[in-house]
Amino acid sequence: MVTRQRGLAAMAGLVAFPALLLSVIGCTGSPGQPSAGSPGAAAPSAASSAPAASVCTRAAVKAAISGFFDAWNHHDAAALGRLFTANGILDMAAKHQDTLHRHAWASASGRAMIAAFAGRQWRRGEKLSHRGLTAGLNGGAAGGGYASNVRASFADGTVQPMAEAKFAYGCASHAFTHVVIISAKAAAPA
């Protein structure tokens, strides 16, 4: 896991994710895409000539996002790992990180690092809640979505509102290529 602090320019990429998501969904790695490992980056989508078995639906993307919250809240590392590609990325604010004001978040790449990060959060008693899911597609080869009103709650009674929860989904792999969950502030008493 890598903890990152970035300047305002990098945060603009996180805040502008809706445009990026549409770009990622609509492109297969064109110039101008963020570099791998940056919070706005996602793996290239499958080619538009993907076989029919690789095509997915909004319902499939929405089910994967819901599955992320289920796996997280049930502390199921195996299920969480299956939701990501082998080199998938999770950029997420930890309990004491304030992404919007201090530009800090944790970054985990690959299933093993994602599981290790989740394990540390679970030991703090972290649970995630949301009040809605939105999913979208581009020609059925790539998808993505958002969870709204996300918040993390911890065993010590503190809560952390999340500013954004974004999911980039590869229809060919039926898995997330990149998930970004950034905080509005550090956790505080409810």
N, C-alpha and C. Protein backbone atom coordinates (compact mmCIF):
# COMPACT_ATOMS: atom_id res chain seq x y z
N MET A 1 0.84 -1.17 0.00
CA MET A 1 0.00 0.00 0.00
C MET A 1 0.88 1.23 0.00
N VAL A 2 0.47 2.22 -0.71
CA VAL A 2 1.18 3.48 -0.78
C VAL A 2 0.23 4.56 -0.32
N THR A 3 0.69 5.42 0.58
CA THR A 3 -0.10 6.57 0.97
C THR A 3 0.39 7.74 0.15
N ARG A 4 -0.54 8.46 -0.43
CA ARG A 4 -0.16 9.54 -1.34
C ARG A 4 -0.71 10.86 -0.86
N GLN A 5 0.07 11.89 -1.06
CA GLN A 5 -0.40 13.25 -0.90
C GLN A 5 -0.06 13.96 -2.18
N ARG A 6 -1.02 14.59 -2.76
CA ARG A 6 -0.85 15.25 -4.05
C ARG A 6 -1.28 16.70 -3.94
N GLY A 7 -0.89 17.47 -4.94
CA GLY A 7 -1.29 18.86 -5.02
C GLY A 7 -2.68 19.02 -5.60
N LEU A 8 -3.07 20.25 -5.75
CA LEU A 8 -4.41 20.55 -6.26
C LEU A 8 -4.61 20.03 -7.67
N ALA A 9 -3.57 19.98 -8.47
CA ALA A 9 -3.72 19.51 -9.85
C ALA A 9 -4.17 18.06 -9.88
N ALA A 10 -3.62 17.21 -9.01
CA ALA A 10 -4.04 15.81 -8.96
C ALA A 10 -5.47 15.70 -8.46
N MET A 11 -5.83 16.53 -7.49
CA MET A 11 -7.20 16.48 -6.96
C MET A 11 -8.20 16.89 -8.02
N ALA A 12 -7.81 17.80 -8.90
CA ALA A 12 -8.73 18.18 -9.97
C ALA A 12 -9.10 16.96 -10.79
N GLY A 13 -8.15 16.02 -10.96
CA GLY A 13 -8.44 14.79 -11.68
C GLY A 13 -9.44 13.93 -10.94
N LEU A 14 -9.37 13.90 -9.61
CA LEU A 14 -10.34 13.12 -8.83
C LEU A 14 -11.72 13.76 -8.86
N VAL A 15 -11.75 15.07 -8.72
CA VAL A 15 -13.03 15.76 -8.70
C VAL A 15 -13.68 15.73 -10.08
N ALA A 16 -12.88 15.68 -11.13
CA ALA A 16 -13.40 15.67 -12.49
C ALA A 16 -13.62 14.25 -13.00
N PHE A 17 -13.79 13.30 -12.11
CA PHE A 17 -13.92 11.91 -12.51
C PHE A 17 -15.07 11.64 -13.46
N PRO A 18 -16.23 12.31 -13.34
CA PRO A 18 -17.30 12.01 -14.31
C PRO A 18 -16.83 12.13 -15.75
N ALA A 19 -16.08 13.18 -16.07
CA ALA A 19 -15.58 13.32 -17.44
C ALA A 19 -14.56 12.23 -17.74
N LEU A 20 -13.71 11.92 -16.77
CA LEU A 20 -12.71 10.87 -16.96
C LEU A 20 -13.38 9.52 -17.16
N LEU A 21 -14.40 9.23 -16.37
CA LEU A 21 -15.08 7.95 -16.51
C LEU A 21 -15.65 7.81 -17.92
N LEU A 22 -16.25 8.87 -18.42
CA LEU A 22 -16.77 8.81 -19.78
C LEU A 22 -15.64 8.61 -20.77
N SER A 23 -14.51 9.25 -20.52
CA SER A 23 -13.34 9.08 -21.39
C SER A 23 -12.82 7.66 -21.34
N VAL A 24 -12.70 7.10 -20.14
CA VAL A 24 -12.21 5.73 -19.98
C VAL A 24 -13.17 4.75 -20.63
N ILE A 25 -14.46 4.96 -20.43
CA ILE A 25 -15.45 4.06 -21.00
C ILE A 25 -15.43 4.14 -22.52
N GLY A 26 -15.17 5.35 -23.05
CA GLY A 26 -15.24 5.53 -24.49
C GLY A 26 -13.94 5.31 -25.23
N CYS A 27 -12.83 5.13 -24.53
CA CYS A 27 -11.53 5.02 -25.18
C CYS A 27 -10.87 3.69 -24.85
N THR A 28 -9.88 3.37 -25.63
CA THR A 28 -9.09 2.17 -25.34
C THR A 28 -7.64 2.55 -25.17
N GLY A 29 -7.40 3.59 -24.35
CA GLY A 29 -6.03 3.98 -24.04
C GLY A 29 -5.47 5.03 -24.98
N SER A 30 -6.24 6.02 -25.33
CA SER A 30 -5.78 7.07 -26.23
C SER A 30 -4.82 8.01 -25.52
N PRO A 31 -4.03 8.78 -26.29
CA PRO A 31 -3.12 9.75 -25.68
C PRO A 31 -3.91 10.73 -24.82
N GLY A 32 -3.27 11.22 -23.77
CA GLY A 32 -3.94 12.15 -22.88
C GLY A 32 -4.59 11.47 -21.70
N GLN A 33 -4.63 10.16 -21.68
CA GLN A 33 -5.17 9.44 -20.53
C GLN A 33 -4.20 9.57 -19.37
N PRO A 34 -4.68 9.54 -18.12
CA PRO A 34 -3.79 9.59 -16.97
C PRO A 34 -2.87 8.37 -16.98
N SER A 35 -1.71 8.55 -16.38
CA SER A 35 -0.76 7.44 -16.31
C SER A 35 -1.23 6.41 -15.31
N ALA A 36 -0.81 5.16 -15.51
CA ALA A 36 -1.18 4.08 -14.59
C ALA A 36 -0.67 4.42 -13.21
N GLY A 37 -1.47 4.12 -12.20
CA GLY A 37 -1.08 4.38 -10.83
C GLY A 37 -1.58 5.70 -10.29
N SER A 38 -2.08 6.59 -11.15
CA SER A 38 -2.63 7.84 -10.65
C SER A 38 -4.08 7.60 -10.28
N PRO A 39 -4.62 8.36 -9.31
CA PRO A 39 -5.99 8.11 -8.87
C PRO A 39 -7.02 8.21 -9.97
N GLY A 40 -6.78 8.96 -11.03
CA GLY A 40 -7.75 9.08 -12.10
C GLY A 40 -7.58 8.03 -13.18
N ALA A 41 -6.55 7.20 -13.08
CA ALA A 41 -6.26 6.24 -14.15
C ALA A 41 -7.11 5.00 -14.01
N ALA A 42 -7.36 4.38 -15.13
CA ALA A 42 -8.04 3.09 -15.14
C ALA A 42 -7.44 2.28 -16.28
N ALA A 43 -7.54 0.99 -16.19
CA ALA A 43 -7.01 0.14 -17.24
C ALA A 43 -7.79 0.38 -18.52
N PRO A 44 -7.16 0.24 -19.68
CA PRO A 44 -7.88 0.42 -20.93
C PRO A 44 -9.06 -0.54 -21.02
N SER A 45 -10.13 -0.08 -21.65
CA SER A 45 -11.30 -0.93 -21.80
C SER A 45 -11.07 -1.93 -22.92
N ALA A 46 -11.91 -2.94 -22.97
CA ALA A 46 -11.81 -3.94 -24.03
C ALA A 46 -12.15 -3.30 -25.37
N ALA A 47 -11.64 -3.85 -26.42
CA ALA A 47 -11.93 -3.33 -27.75
C ALA A 47 -13.41 -3.46 -28.05
N SER A 48 -13.90 -2.60 -28.93
CA SER A 48 -15.33 -2.62 -29.24
C SER A 48 -15.74 -3.91 -29.93
N SER A 49 -14.78 -4.67 -30.44
CA SER A 49 -15.12 -5.93 -31.10
C SER A 49 -15.10 -7.09 -30.12
N ALA A 50 -15.25 -6.80 -28.83
CA ALA A 50 -15.24 -7.84 -27.81
C ALA A 50 -16.34 -8.85 -28.09
N PRO A 51 -16.08 -10.12 -27.82
CA PRO A 51 -17.10 -11.12 -28.05
C PRO A 51 -18.33 -10.87 -27.19
N ALA A 52 -19.45 -11.41 -27.62
CA ALA A 52 -20.71 -11.19 -26.91
C ALA A 52 -20.63 -11.58 -25.44
N ALA A 53 -19.82 -12.57 -25.10
CA ALA A 53 -19.69 -13.00 -23.71
C ALA A 53 -19.07 -11.91 -22.85
N SER A 54 -18.35 -10.95 -23.47
CA SER A 54 -17.70 -9.87 -22.73
C SER A 54 -18.61 -8.68 -22.53
N VAL A 55 -19.74 -8.64 -23.18
CA VAL A 55 -20.66 -7.52 -23.06
C VAL A 55 -21.39 -7.64 -21.73
N CYS A 56 -21.53 -6.49 -21.06
CA CYS A 56 -22.26 -6.53 -19.79
C CYS A 56 -23.39 -5.50 -19.82
N THR A 57 -24.14 -5.49 -18.77
CA THR A 57 -25.29 -4.62 -18.65
C THR A 57 -25.10 -3.68 -17.47
N ARG A 58 -25.92 -2.65 -17.43
CA ARG A 58 -25.93 -1.76 -16.26
C ARG A 58 -26.21 -2.56 -14.99
N ALA A 59 -27.10 -3.52 -15.10
CA ALA A 59 -27.44 -4.34 -13.93
C ALA A 59 -26.21 -5.10 -13.42
N ALA A 60 -25.37 -5.60 -14.33
CA ALA A 60 -24.16 -6.32 -13.92
C ALA A 60 -23.18 -5.39 -13.22
N VAL A 61 -23.03 -4.17 -13.75
CA VAL A 61 -22.13 -3.19 -13.13
C VAL A 61 -22.66 -2.81 -11.76
N LYS A 62 -23.96 -2.55 -11.69
CA LYS A 62 -24.59 -2.18 -10.42
C LYS A 62 -24.45 -3.31 -9.39
N ALA A 63 -24.60 -4.56 -9.83
CA ALA A 63 -24.44 -5.71 -8.93
C ALA A 63 -23.00 -5.80 -8.43
N ALA A 64 -22.03 -5.50 -9.28
CA ALA A 64 -20.63 -5.53 -8.84
C ALA A 64 -20.37 -4.45 -7.80
N ILE A 65 -20.92 -3.26 -8.00
CA ILE A 65 -20.74 -2.18 -7.02
C ILE A 65 -21.38 -2.57 -5.69
N SER A 66 -22.59 -3.10 -5.76
CA SER A 66 -23.26 -3.59 -4.55
C SER A 66 -22.44 -4.69 -3.88
N GLY A 67 -21.86 -5.57 -4.69
CA GLY A 67 -21.01 -6.65 -4.17
C GLY A 67 -19.78 -6.12 -3.45
N PHE A 68 -19.24 -4.99 -3.92
CA PHE A 68 -18.11 -4.36 -3.24
C PHE A 68 -18.50 -4.01 -1.81
N PHE A 69 -19.64 -3.35 -1.64
CA PHE A 69 -20.08 -2.96 -0.30
C PHE A 69 -20.39 -4.19 0.56
N ASP A 70 -20.99 -5.21 -0.02
CA ASP A 70 -21.28 -6.45 0.72
C ASP A 70 -19.99 -7.12 1.18
N ALA A 71 -19.02 -7.28 0.27
CA ALA A 71 -17.76 -7.92 0.62
C ALA A 71 -17.02 -7.11 1.69
N TRP A 72 -17.03 -5.79 1.53
CA TRP A 72 -16.35 -4.93 2.50
C TRP A 72 -16.97 -5.10 3.89
N ASN A 73 -18.28 -5.01 3.95
CA ASN A 73 -18.95 -5.04 5.26
C ASN A 73 -18.99 -6.42 5.90
N HIS A 74 -18.79 -7.46 5.11
CA HIS A 74 -18.72 -8.82 5.66
C HIS A 74 -17.28 -9.29 5.85
N HIS A 75 -16.33 -8.37 5.64
CA HIS A 75 -14.90 -8.66 5.81
C HIS A 75 -14.50 -9.89 5.01
N ASP A 76 -14.97 -9.95 3.78
CA ASP A 76 -14.73 -11.11 2.92
C ASP A 76 -13.65 -10.76 1.88
N ALA A 77 -12.39 -11.00 2.27
CA ALA A 77 -11.27 -10.65 1.40
C ALA A 77 -11.31 -11.41 0.07
N ALA A 78 -11.71 -12.66 0.10
CA ALA A 78 -11.77 -13.45 -1.14
C ALA A 78 -12.80 -12.86 -2.10
N ALA A 79 -13.98 -12.53 -1.61
CA ALA A 79 -15.02 -11.94 -2.47
C ALA A 79 -14.58 -10.57 -2.97
N LEU A 80 -13.94 -9.79 -2.11
CA LEU A 80 -13.45 -8.47 -2.51
C LEU A 80 -12.41 -8.63 -3.63
N GLY A 81 -11.50 -9.56 -3.47
CA GLY A 81 -10.47 -9.80 -4.48
C GLY A 81 -11.04 -10.19 -5.82
N ARG A 82 -12.08 -11.02 -5.82
CA ARG A 82 -12.71 -11.45 -7.08
C ARG A 82 -13.37 -10.30 -7.83
N LEU A 83 -13.67 -9.22 -7.13
CA LEU A 83 -14.31 -8.07 -7.76
C LEU A 83 -13.33 -7.21 -8.55
N PHE A 84 -12.02 -7.41 -8.35
CA PHE A 84 -10.99 -6.63 -9.02
C PHE A 84 -10.24 -7.48 -10.05
N THR A 85 -9.73 -6.82 -11.08
CA THR A 85 -8.81 -7.50 -11.98
C THR A 85 -7.53 -7.78 -11.20
N ALA A 86 -6.68 -8.64 -11.73
CA ALA A 86 -5.44 -9.00 -11.03
C ALA A 86 -4.58 -7.78 -10.71
N ASN A 87 -4.61 -6.77 -11.58
CA ASN A 87 -3.84 -5.56 -11.33
C ASN A 87 -4.74 -4.36 -11.03
N GLY A 88 -5.94 -4.62 -10.52
CA GLY A 88 -6.88 -3.56 -10.18
C GLY A 88 -6.30 -2.64 -9.11
N ILE A 89 -6.85 -1.44 -9.05
CA ILE A 89 -6.36 -0.42 -8.13
C ILE A 89 -7.51 0.06 -7.24
N LEU A 90 -7.23 0.19 -5.95
CA LEU A 90 -8.15 0.80 -5.01
C LEU A 90 -7.46 2.02 -4.42
N ASP A 91 -8.00 3.21 -4.71
CA ASP A 91 -7.55 4.46 -4.11
C ASP A 91 -8.65 4.86 -3.14
N MET A 92 -8.31 4.90 -1.85
CA MET A 92 -9.35 5.12 -0.84
C MET A 92 -8.78 5.86 0.36
N ALA A 93 -9.57 6.77 0.89
CA ALA A 93 -9.17 7.48 2.10
C ALA A 93 -9.28 6.54 3.30
N ALA A 94 -8.23 6.52 4.10
CA ALA A 94 -8.26 5.77 5.36
C ALA A 94 -8.85 6.68 6.44
N LYS A 95 -9.05 6.15 7.61
CA LYS A 95 -9.77 6.82 8.69
C LYS A 95 -9.31 8.24 8.98
N HIS A 96 -8.03 8.47 9.04
CA HIS A 96 -7.51 9.78 9.43
C HIS A 96 -7.10 10.64 8.24
N GLN A 97 -7.48 10.23 7.04
CA GLN A 97 -7.10 10.99 5.85
C GLN A 97 -8.25 11.87 5.37
N ASP A 98 -7.91 13.09 5.02
CA ASP A 98 -8.84 14.08 4.51
C ASP A 98 -8.45 14.37 3.07
N THR A 99 -9.13 13.74 2.13
CA THR A 99 -8.74 13.86 0.73
C THR A 99 -8.99 15.26 0.18
N LEU A 100 -10.13 15.84 0.47
CA LEU A 100 -10.47 17.13 -0.13
C LEU A 100 -9.58 18.27 0.37
N HIS A 101 -9.20 18.25 1.63
CA HIS A 101 -8.44 19.37 2.18
C HIS A 101 -6.94 19.10 2.28
N ARG A 102 -6.57 17.85 2.52
CA ARG A 102 -5.14 17.53 2.69
C ARG A 102 -4.61 16.68 1.54
N HIS A 103 -5.46 16.34 0.61
CA HIS A 103 -5.07 15.60 -0.60
C HIS A 103 -4.36 14.29 -0.26
N ALA A 104 -4.90 13.56 0.70
CA ALA A 104 -4.29 12.30 1.15
C ALA A 104 -5.25 11.14 0.96
N TRP A 105 -4.71 10.01 0.54
CA TRP A 105 -5.47 8.78 0.40
C TRP A 105 -4.48 7.63 0.38
N ALA A 106 -4.97 6.43 0.52
CA ALA A 106 -4.14 5.23 0.41
C ALA A 106 -4.39 4.61 -0.96
N SER A 107 -3.36 4.02 -1.52
CA SER A 107 -3.47 3.39 -2.82
C SER A 107 -2.98 1.95 -2.72
N ALA A 108 -3.80 1.02 -3.18
CA ALA A 108 -3.43 -0.40 -3.19
C ALA A 108 -3.62 -0.93 -4.60
N SER A 109 -2.63 -1.63 -5.10
CA SER A 109 -2.67 -2.16 -6.46
C SER A 109 -2.50 -3.68 -6.42
N GLY A 110 -3.43 -4.38 -7.05
CA GLY A 110 -3.39 -5.84 -7.06
C GLY A 110 -4.23 -6.40 -5.92
N ARG A 111 -4.73 -7.59 -6.14
CA ARG A 111 -5.66 -8.20 -5.17
C ARG A 111 -5.06 -8.36 -3.78
N ALA A 112 -3.80 -8.78 -3.69
CA ALA A 112 -3.19 -9.01 -2.38
C ALA A 112 -3.05 -7.70 -1.60
N MET A 113 -2.63 -6.63 -2.26
CA MET A 113 -2.49 -5.35 -1.57
C MET A 113 -3.85 -4.76 -1.20
N ILE A 114 -4.84 -4.97 -2.06
CA ILE A 114 -6.19 -4.49 -1.75
C ILE A 114 -6.72 -5.23 -0.52
N ALA A 115 -6.52 -6.55 -0.46
CA ALA A 115 -6.96 -7.34 0.70
C ALA A 115 -6.22 -6.90 1.97
N ALA A 116 -4.92 -6.60 1.86
CA ALA A 116 -4.16 -6.15 3.03
C ALA A 116 -4.67 -4.80 3.53
N PHE A 117 -4.94 -3.87 2.60
CA PHE A 117 -5.49 -2.57 2.99
C PHE A 117 -6.85 -2.76 3.66
N ALA A 118 -7.71 -3.56 3.04
CA ALA A 118 -9.05 -3.81 3.61
C ALA A 118 -8.92 -4.40 5.01
N GLY A 119 -8.01 -5.34 5.19
CA GLY A 119 -7.81 -5.95 6.51
C GLY A 119 -7.47 -4.93 7.57
N ARG A 120 -6.62 -3.97 7.23
CA ARG A 120 -6.28 -2.92 8.20
C ARG A 120 -7.50 -2.09 8.54
N GLN A 121 -8.31 -1.77 7.55
CA GLN A 121 -9.53 -0.99 7.80
C GLN A 121 -10.53 -1.80 8.62
N TRP A 122 -10.65 -3.09 8.32
CA TRP A 122 -11.59 -3.94 9.04
C TRP A 122 -11.20 -4.07 10.51
N ARG A 123 -9.89 -4.10 10.80
CA ARG A 123 -9.45 -4.17 12.20
C ARG A 123 -9.86 -2.92 12.96
N ARG A 124 -10.10 -1.84 12.27
CA ARG A 124 -10.61 -0.61 12.89
C ARG A 124 -12.13 -0.64 12.99
N GLY A 125 -12.73 -1.72 12.50
CA GLY A 125 -14.18 -1.86 12.54
C GLY A 125 -14.90 -1.08 11.46
N GLU A 126 -14.22 -0.77 10.36
CA GLU A 126 -14.83 0.05 9.31
C GLU A 126 -15.95 -0.69 8.58
N LYS A 127 -17.07 -0.01 8.46
CA LYS A 127 -18.20 -0.44 7.64
C LYS A 127 -18.53 0.71 6.69
N LEU A 128 -18.97 0.37 5.50
CA LEU A 128 -19.34 1.38 4.51
C LEU A 128 -20.84 1.33 4.26
N SER A 129 -21.44 2.50 4.15
CA SER A 129 -22.86 2.56 3.78
C SER A 129 -23.02 3.53 2.62
N HIS A 130 -24.12 3.39 1.91
CA HIS A 130 -24.43 4.28 0.79
C HIS A 130 -25.94 4.39 0.68
N ARG A 131 -26.38 5.36 -0.12
CA ARG A 131 -27.82 5.56 -0.31
C ARG A 131 -28.24 5.46 -1.76
N GLY A 132 -27.42 4.89 -2.60
CA GLY A 132 -27.83 4.75 -3.99
C GLY A 132 -26.66 4.38 -4.87
N LEU A 133 -26.97 3.71 -5.98
CA LEU A 133 -25.96 3.29 -6.95
C LEU A 133 -26.41 3.71 -8.34
N THR A 134 -25.46 4.17 -9.13
CA THR A 134 -25.71 4.54 -10.51
C THR A 134 -24.68 3.83 -11.38
N ALA A 135 -25.12 3.22 -12.47
CA ALA A 135 -24.20 2.52 -13.36
C ALA A 135 -24.41 3.01 -14.79
N GLY A 136 -23.34 2.95 -15.58
CA GLY A 136 -23.42 3.33 -16.98
C GLY A 136 -22.52 2.44 -17.82
N LEU A 137 -22.76 2.45 -19.13
CA LEU A 137 -22.00 1.63 -20.07
C LEU A 137 -21.62 2.44 -21.29
N ASN A 138 -20.66 1.92 -22.03
CA ASN A 138 -20.36 2.47 -23.35
C ASN A 138 -20.23 1.30 -24.31
N GLY A 139 -21.26 1.01 -25.00
CA GLY A 139 -21.24 -0.07 -25.99
C GLY A 139 -21.12 -1.45 -25.39
N GLY A 140 -21.24 -1.57 -24.09
CA GLY A 140 -21.20 -2.87 -23.44
C GLY A 140 -19.80 -3.42 -23.19
N ALA A 141 -18.74 -2.73 -23.63
CA ALA A 141 -17.38 -3.24 -23.42
C ALA A 141 -16.76 -2.76 -22.12
N ALA A 142 -17.22 -1.62 -21.63
CA ALA A 142 -16.72 -1.07 -20.37
C ALA A 142 -17.86 -0.37 -19.67
N GLY A 143 -17.74 -0.30 -18.38
CA GLY A 143 -18.78 0.35 -17.60
C GLY A 143 -18.17 1.03 -16.40
N GLY A 144 -19.03 1.64 -15.65
CA GLY A 144 -18.59 2.31 -14.44
C GLY A 144 -19.80 2.79 -13.69
N GLY A 145 -19.55 3.32 -12.53
CA GLY A 145 -20.67 3.82 -11.75
C GLY A 145 -20.22 4.55 -10.51
N TYR A 146 -21.23 4.97 -9.77
CA TYR A 146 -21.04 5.75 -8.58
C TYR A 146 -21.92 5.21 -7.46
N ALA A 147 -21.45 5.39 -6.25
CA ALA A 147 -22.30 5.17 -5.08
C ALA A 147 -22.48 6.55 -4.45
N SER A 148 -23.70 6.85 -4.07
CA SER A 148 -23.97 8.17 -3.50
C SER A 148 -24.11 8.11 -1.99
N ASN A 149 -23.82 9.24 -1.37
CA ASN A 149 -23.93 9.41 0.08
C ASN A 149 -23.20 8.30 0.84
N VAL A 150 -21.96 8.06 0.45
CA VAL A 150 -21.16 7.01 1.11
C VAL A 150 -20.55 7.57 2.38
N ARG A 151 -20.55 6.75 3.40
CA ARG A 151 -19.85 7.10 4.63
C ARG A 151 -19.26 5.85 5.25
N ALA A 152 -18.14 6.05 5.91
CA ALA A 152 -17.49 4.98 6.66
C ALA A 152 -17.80 5.20 8.13
N SER A 153 -18.13 4.14 8.82
CA SER A 153 -18.32 4.22 10.27
C SER A 153 -17.35 3.22 10.90
N PHE A 154 -16.86 3.58 12.08
CA PHE A 154 -15.83 2.79 12.74
C PHE A 154 -16.30 2.31 14.10
N ALA A 155 -15.63 1.28 14.61
CA ALA A 155 -16.01 0.66 15.88
C ALA A 155 -15.98 1.65 17.04
N ASP A 156 -15.14 2.68 16.96
CA ASP A 156 -15.05 3.65 18.06
C ASP A 156 -16.14 4.71 18.01
N GLY A 157 -17.09 4.58 17.08
CA GLY A 157 -18.20 5.52 16.98
C GLY A 157 -17.95 6.70 16.05
N THR A 158 -16.77 6.79 15.47
CA THR A 158 -16.50 7.88 14.55
C THR A 158 -17.05 7.55 13.17
N VAL A 159 -17.31 8.59 12.40
CA VAL A 159 -17.80 8.43 11.03
C VAL A 159 -16.98 9.32 10.11
N GLN A 160 -16.91 8.90 8.85
CA GLN A 160 -16.15 9.64 7.85
C GLN A 160 -16.99 9.74 6.59
N PRO A 161 -17.46 10.94 6.25
CA PRO A 161 -18.22 11.08 5.00
C PRO A 161 -17.27 11.02 3.81
N MET A 162 -17.69 10.33 2.78
CA MET A 162 -16.90 10.22 1.57
C MET A 162 -17.45 11.20 0.53
N ALA A 163 -16.56 11.91 -0.11
CA ALA A 163 -16.97 12.91 -1.11
C ALA A 163 -17.39 12.24 -2.40
N GLU A 164 -16.68 11.17 -2.79
CA GLU A 164 -16.98 10.47 -4.03
C GLU A 164 -16.65 9.00 -3.89
N ALA A 165 -17.41 8.17 -4.58
CA ALA A 165 -17.14 6.74 -4.67
C ALA A 165 -17.39 6.35 -6.12
N LYS A 166 -16.30 6.05 -6.86
CA LYS A 166 -16.37 5.83 -8.30
C LYS A 166 -15.78 4.47 -8.64
N PHE A 167 -16.39 3.79 -9.58
CA PHE A 167 -16.02 2.42 -9.92
C PHE A 167 -15.85 2.29 -11.43
N ALA A 168 -14.65 1.93 -11.90
CA ALA A 168 -14.41 1.65 -13.33
C ALA A 168 -14.42 0.13 -13.49
N TYR A 169 -15.25 -0.37 -14.41
CA TYR A 169 -15.53 -1.80 -14.54
C TYR A 169 -15.19 -2.27 -15.95
N GLY A 170 -14.44 -3.35 -16.05
CA GLY A 170 -14.13 -3.95 -17.34
C GLY A 170 -15.10 -5.08 -17.64
N CYS A 171 -15.88 -4.93 -18.68
CA CYS A 171 -16.88 -5.95 -19.00
C CYS A 171 -16.24 -7.27 -19.44
N ALA A 172 -15.10 -7.20 -20.12
CA ALA A 172 -14.43 -8.44 -20.56
C ALA A 172 -13.95 -9.25 -19.36
N SER A 173 -13.47 -8.57 -18.34
CA SER A 173 -12.96 -9.25 -17.14
C SER A 173 -14.04 -9.44 -16.08
N HIS A 174 -15.17 -8.77 -16.23
CA HIS A 174 -16.23 -8.78 -15.22
C HIS A 174 -15.67 -8.41 -13.86
N ALA A 175 -14.83 -7.37 -13.84
CA ALA A 175 -14.18 -6.95 -12.61
C ALA A 175 -13.83 -5.47 -12.67
N PHE A 176 -13.57 -4.89 -11.50
CA PHE A 176 -13.16 -3.50 -11.42
C PHE A 176 -11.70 -3.36 -11.83
N THR A 177 -11.43 -2.34 -12.62
CA THR A 177 -10.06 -1.99 -12.94
C THR A 177 -9.55 -0.93 -11.98
N HIS A 178 -10.47 -0.11 -11.46
CA HIS A 178 -10.08 0.98 -10.57
C HIS A 178 -11.28 1.43 -9.76
N VAL A 179 -11.08 1.56 -8.47
CA VAL A 179 -12.11 2.09 -7.57
C VAL A 179 -11.48 3.25 -6.81
N VAL A 180 -12.19 4.38 -6.77
CA VAL A 180 -11.72 5.57 -6.07
C VAL A 180 -12.80 5.97 -5.07
N ILE A 181 -12.44 5.98 -3.79
CA ILE A 181 -13.36 6.41 -2.73
C ILE A 181 -12.60 7.44 -1.89
N ILE A 182 -12.96 8.72 -2.08
CA ILE A 182 -12.24 9.79 -1.39
C ILE A 182 -13.12 10.45 -0.33
N SER A 183 -12.47 10.93 0.72
CA SER A 183 -13.18 11.46 1.86
C SER A 183 -13.42 12.96 1.76
N ALA A 184 -14.49 13.40 2.41
CA ALA A 184 -14.77 14.82 2.55
C ALA A 184 -14.00 15.40 3.73
N LYS A 185 -13.65 14.53 4.70
CA LYS A 185 -12.85 14.92 5.86
C LYS A 185 -12.42 13.65 6.58
N ALA A 186 -11.55 13.80 7.55
CA ALA A 186 -11.13 12.67 8.37
C ALA A 186 -12.29 12.24 9.26
N ALA A 187 -12.22 11.03 9.76
CA ALA A 187 -13.28 10.52 10.66
C ALA A 187 -13.35 11.37 11.92
N ALA A 188 -14.58 11.57 12.41
CA ALA A 188 -14.83 12.35 13.62
C ALA A 188 -16.00 11.74 14.36
N PRO A 189 -16.17 12.09 15.63
CA PRO A 189 -17.32 11.56 16.38
C PRO A 189 -18.64 11.88 15.67
N ALA A 190 -19.57 10.97 15.73
CA ALA A 190 -20.85 11.13 15.05
C ALA A 190 -21.69 12.23 15.69
